[in-house]
Protein backbone atom coordinates (compact mmCIF):
# COMPACT_ATOMS: atom_id res chain seq x y z
CA MET A 1 -58.81 -7.33 46.83
CA SER A 2 -56.17 -6.90 44.02
CA THR A 3 -53.40 -9.34 43.19
CA LYS A 4 -50.72 -7.47 44.91
CA GLN A 5 -53.05 -7.11 48.18
CA ALA A 6 -53.67 -10.75 48.13
CA GLY A 7 -50.07 -11.59 47.70
CA ARG A 8 -49.11 -9.24 50.86
CA LEU A 9 -51.42 -11.12 52.68
CA LEU A 10 -50.21 -14.43 51.75
CA GLY A 11 -46.55 -13.39 52.07
CA LEU A 12 -46.22 -14.00 48.25
CA SER A 13 -45.36 -11.97 45.48
CA HIS A 14 -48.08 -10.84 43.00
CA ARG A 15 -46.17 -12.32 40.23
CA THR A 16 -46.41 -15.78 42.07
CA LEU A 17 -50.07 -15.41 42.12
CA GLU A 18 -50.25 -14.52 38.66
CA ASP A 19 -48.16 -17.52 37.66
CA TRP A 20 -50.35 -19.80 39.91
CA ARG A 21 -53.44 -18.54 38.08
CA LEU A 22 -51.80 -19.90 34.84
CA LYS A 23 -51.10 -23.17 36.14
CA GLY A 24 -54.41 -23.74 38.12
CA LEU A 25 -52.94 -23.26 41.47
CA GLY A 26 -53.31 -20.97 44.54
CA PRO A 27 -56.33 -19.63 45.83
CA ARG A 28 -59.63 -19.19 43.76
CA PHE A 29 -60.13 -15.64 42.04
CA LEU A 30 -62.77 -13.53 40.37
CA LYS A 31 -62.40 -12.29 36.88
CA LEU A 32 -64.15 -8.98 36.53
CA GLY A 33 -63.62 -7.78 32.97
CA ARG A 34 -59.79 -7.43 32.54
CA ARG A 35 -59.45 -7.17 36.33
CA VAL A 36 -58.60 -10.07 38.60
CA ARG A 37 -59.94 -10.02 42.41
CA TYR A 38 -59.52 -12.29 45.18
CA ARG A 39 -62.13 -12.68 47.97
CA LEU A 40 -61.02 -12.79 51.80
CA ALA A 41 -63.13 -16.14 52.02
CA ASP A 42 -61.16 -17.58 48.98
CA ILE A 43 -57.86 -16.95 50.62
CA ALA A 44 -58.96 -18.31 53.81
CA ALA A 45 -60.03 -21.59 52.30
CA TYR A 46 -57.03 -22.00 50.34
CA GLN A 47 -54.95 -21.40 53.50
CA ASP A 48 -57.18 -23.85 55.41
CA GLY A 49 -56.35 -26.48 52.61
CA CYS A 50 -52.57 -25.91 53.44
CA THR A 51 -52.87 -26.70 56.88
CA PHE A 52 -51.07 -29.92 58.07
CA ALA A 53 -50.06 -31.67 61.16
CA ASN A 54 -46.81 -32.83 60.24
CA THR A 55 -44.32 -32.89 57.35
CA GLY A 56 -45.18 -36.72 56.44
CA GLU A 57 -48.80 -35.31 55.66
CA ALA A 58 -47.69 -32.27 53.66
CA LEU A 59 -45.27 -34.51 51.51
CA ALA A 60 -48.33 -36.90 51.08
CA ALA A 61 -50.40 -33.98 49.93
């Protein structure tokens, strides 16, 4: 899916995802020529890594 589609799915702006790519943050992505694409499995894996039981656990991460 495109950056805009991935952003909508994550509740983020596409600009945030663009910024995160430059910083090495966010979900993994594919670079196909000049196009950037996200796989649903990579977005799900990223979301799974952002799951915490409490705020202390989130702060420690």
